[in-house]
Structures are given as structure tokens and as C-alpha cells.
Amino acid sequence: MDFKKTTGIIVYLHSLRHLRALNEFGQIQFVSKKLRYVVLYVDEDKKDQIIAKLNSEKFVKEVIESHFGELLKDVTGKKVFVDQDFDDTDE
């Protein structure tokens, strides 16, 4: 199976009434009713075109690209801090 690379876009809305209109731009992953934003996953190839289309919509307040793909994915393990002395006595 070939998987398309996707990236996340955070879309801040003036109102959640237009939530269904965002289905045409990508897959809705998360909706915050209190803060009125939506996390969309879109194809990485079409990301710039979709951001331009979203910015032109009247119900969109702001569009931010997710930086999740830029994070380090290598986890080396726990570091144990043995050098520190944790005494509670007042001497």
C-alpha cells in the first residue's frame, strides 16, 4: 500500500457553523469548540494551494501550519540524575 504524506494545518474560525465546508479541504482530525479551531490533515503536495484557498474564505480567521513533522523522532531513553544530592535535612 502506498501512503500519501500528510501534514497538519490549524484553522481558526470565526464560527463553527462552517465546519462542514472544511471537509472539502482535507480530513478533520480535531475540533475545539471553546477556542474555535480545527486541525486538518491535508496532502503535503497540495498544502500551499489549500492554505491559499482557506485564507480567502470569509469564515476563516487564521491558518497556521503544524510543525509536528519538524520534531525529532529519535528517543534515546531516560537519563538518570545520580549526581544530584536530594537531602531534606537542614544542616
C-alpha atoms as a PDB file:
ATOM      1  CA  MET A   1       0.000   0.000   0.000  1.00  0.00           C
ATOM      2  CA  ASP A   2       1.216   3.459  -0.843  1.00  0.00           C
ATOM      3  CA  PHE A   3       0.519   6.094   1.768  1.00  0.00           C
ATOM      4  CA  LYS A   4       0.438   9.748   0.856  1.00  0.00           C
ATOM      5  CA  LYS A   5       2.429  12.098   3.041  1.00  0.00           C
ATOM      6  CA  THR A   6       0.143  14.370   5.004  1.00  0.00           C
ATOM      7  CA  THR A   7       0.718  17.446   7.075  1.00  0.00           C
ATOM      8  CA  GLY A   8      -1.371  19.216   9.680  1.00  0.00           C
ATOM      9  CA  ILE A   9      -2.961  22.630   9.341  1.00  0.00           C
ATOM     10  CA  ILE A  10      -4.596  24.509  12.212  1.00  0.00           C
ATOM     11  CA  VAL A  11      -7.530  26.638  11.051  1.00  0.00           C
ATOM     12  CA  TYR A  12      -9.036  29.249  13.378  1.00  0.00           C
ATOM     13  CA  LEU A  13     -12.665  30.061  12.567  1.00  0.00           C
ATOM     14  CA  HIS A  14     -15.000  32.954  13.323  1.00  0.00           C
ATOM     15  CA  SER A  15     -17.851  30.489  13.838  1.00  0.00           C
ATOM     16  CA  LEU A  16     -18.181  26.703  13.880  1.00  0.00           C
ATOM     17  CA  ARG A  17     -21.210  26.868  11.570  1.00  0.00           C
ATOM     18  CA  HIS A  18     -18.921  26.422   8.580  1.00  0.00           C
ATOM     19  CA  LEU A  19     -17.320  23.262   9.897  1.00  0.00           C
ATOM     20  CA  ARG A  20     -18.764  21.039   7.167  1.00  0.00           C
ATOM     21  CA  ALA A  21     -17.270  23.260   4.475  1.00  0.00           C
ATOM     22  CA  LEU A  22     -13.784  22.280   5.669  1.00  0.00           C
ATOM     23  CA  ASN A  23     -14.350  18.643   4.644  1.00  0.00           C
ATOM     24  CA  GLU A  24     -13.540  19.519   1.035  1.00  0.00           C
ATOM     25  CA  PHE A  25     -10.063  20.760   2.009  1.00  0.00           C
ATOM     26  CA  GLY A  26      -8.885  17.728   3.989  1.00  0.00           C
ATOM     27  CA  GLN A  27      -9.600  15.297   6.776  1.00  0.00           C
ATOM     28  CA  ILE A  28     -10.813  16.886  10.010  1.00  0.00           C
ATOM     29  CA  GLN A  29      -8.855  15.411  12.899  1.00  0.00           C
ATOM     30  CA  PHE A  30      -9.841  17.579  15.877  1.00  0.00           C
ATOM     31  CA  VAL A  31     -12.337  20.357  16.644  1.00  0.00           C
ATOM     32  CA  SER A  32     -12.098  22.708  19.614  1.00  0.00           C
ATOM     33  CA  LYS A  33     -15.485  24.259  20.286  1.00  0.00           C
ATOM     34  CA  LYS A  34     -14.221  26.562  23.013  1.00  0.00           C
ATOM     35  CA  LEU A  35     -11.245  28.025  21.115  1.00  0.00           C
ATOM     36  CA  ARG A  36     -12.929  27.630  17.675  1.00  0.00           C
ATOM     37  CA  TYR A  37     -10.153  25.917  15.781  1.00  0.00           C
ATOM     38  CA  VAL A  38      -9.892  22.811  13.620  1.00  0.00           C
ATOM     39  CA  VAL A  39      -6.921  20.543  12.933  1.00  0.00           C
ATOM     40  CA  LEU A  40      -6.953  19.385   9.311  1.00  0.00           C
ATOM     41  CA  TYR A  41      -4.730  16.796   7.686  1.00  0.00           C
ATOM     42  CA  VAL A  42      -4.046  17.541   4.020  1.00  0.00           C
ATOM     43  CA  ASP A  43      -1.780  16.116   1.326  1.00  0.00           C
ATOM     44  CA  GLU A  44       1.708  17.559   1.584  1.00  0.00           C
ATOM     45  CA  ASP A  45       1.802  18.217  -2.182  1.00  0.00           C
ATOM     46  CA  LYS A  46      -1.322  20.413  -2.104  1.00  0.00           C
ATOM     47  CA  LYS A  47      -0.594  22.154   1.210  1.00  0.00           C
ATOM     48  CA  ASP A  48       0.268  25.593  -0.202  1.00  0.00           C
ATOM     49  CA  GLN A  49      -2.757  25.646  -2.505  1.00  0.00           C
ATOM     50  CA  ILE A  50      -5.110  24.649   0.312  1.00  0.00           C
ATOM     51  CA  ILE A  51      -3.683  27.302   2.664  1.00  0.00           C
ATOM     52  CA  ALA A  52      -4.218  29.955  -0.007  1.00  0.00           C
ATOM     53  CA  LYS A  53      -7.825  28.802  -0.539  1.00  0.00           C
ATOM     54  CA  LEU A  54      -8.523  28.736   3.192  1.00  0.00           C
ATOM     55  CA  ASN A  55      -7.131  32.239   3.694  1.00  0.00           C
ATOM     56  CA  SER A  56      -9.500  33.539   1.008  1.00  0.00           C
ATOM     57  CA  GLU A  57     -12.589  32.165   2.805  1.00  0.00           C
ATOM     58  CA  LYS A  58     -14.569  34.682   4.864  1.00  0.00           C
ATOM     59  CA  PHE A  59     -15.244  32.334   7.781  1.00  0.00           C
ATOM     60  CA  VAL A  60     -11.515  31.642   8.374  1.00  0.00           C
ATOM     61  CA  LYS A  61      -9.747  33.862  10.888  1.00  0.00           C
ATOM     62  CA  GLU A  62      -6.194  32.444  10.655  1.00  0.00           C
ATOM     63  CA  VAL A  63      -4.347  29.451   9.173  1.00  0.00           C
ATOM     64  CA  ILE A  64      -1.197  28.025  10.781  1.00  0.00           C
ATOM     65  CA  GLU A  65       0.971  25.168   9.543  1.00  0.00           C
ATOM     66  CA  SER A  66       1.721  22.428  12.038  1.00  0.00           C
ATOM     67  CA  HIS A  67       5.395  21.911  12.903  1.00  0.00           C
ATOM     68  CA  PHE A  68       4.916  18.354  14.117  1.00  0.00           C
ATOM     69  CA  GLY A  69       6.914  16.919  11.202  1.00  0.00           C
ATOM     70  CA  GLU A  70       9.939  19.015  12.163  1.00  0.00           C
ATOM     71  CA  LEU A  71      10.252  17.496  15.643  1.00  0.00           C
ATOM     72  CA  LEU A  72      12.939  14.954  16.458  1.00  0.00           C
ATOM     73  CA  LYS A  73      11.577  11.446  16.383  1.00  0.00           C
ATOM     74  CA  ASP A  74      14.571   9.671  17.966  1.00  0.00           C
ATOM     75  CA  VAL A  75      14.109   8.833  21.621  1.00  0.00           C
ATOM     76  CA  THR A  76      17.327   7.777  23.308  1.00  0.00           C
ATOM     77  CA  GLY A  77      15.860   6.798  26.657  1.00  0.00           C
ATOM     78  CA  LYS A  78      15.761   8.073  30.198  1.00  0.00           C
ATOM     79  CA  LYS A  79      18.591   9.993  31.781  1.00  0.00           C
ATOM     80  CA  VAL A  80      19.164   9.202  35.405  1.00  0.00           C
ATOM     81  CA  PHE A  81      20.446  12.068  37.515  1.00  0.00           C
ATOM     82  CA  VAL A  82      22.587  10.301  40.093  1.00  0.00           C
ATOM     83  CA  ASP A  83      24.999  13.182  40.630  1.00  0.00           C
ATOM     84  CA  GLN A  84      22.494  15.333  42.495  1.00  0.00           C
ATOM     85  CA  ASP A  85      22.048  15.003  46.244  1.00  0.00           C
ATOM     86  CA  PHE A  86      18.431  15.175  47.387  1.00  0.00           C
ATOM     87  CA  ASP A  87      18.684  15.538  51.178  1.00  0.00           C
ATOM     88  CA  ASP A  88      15.821  17.193  53.053  1.00  0.00           C
ATOM     89  CA  THR A  89      17.815  17.863  56.209  1.00  0.00           C
ATOM     90  CA  ASP A  90      18.845  21.395  57.153  1.00  0.00           C
ATOM     91  CA  GLU A  91      22.479  21.024  58.188  1.00  0.00           C
END
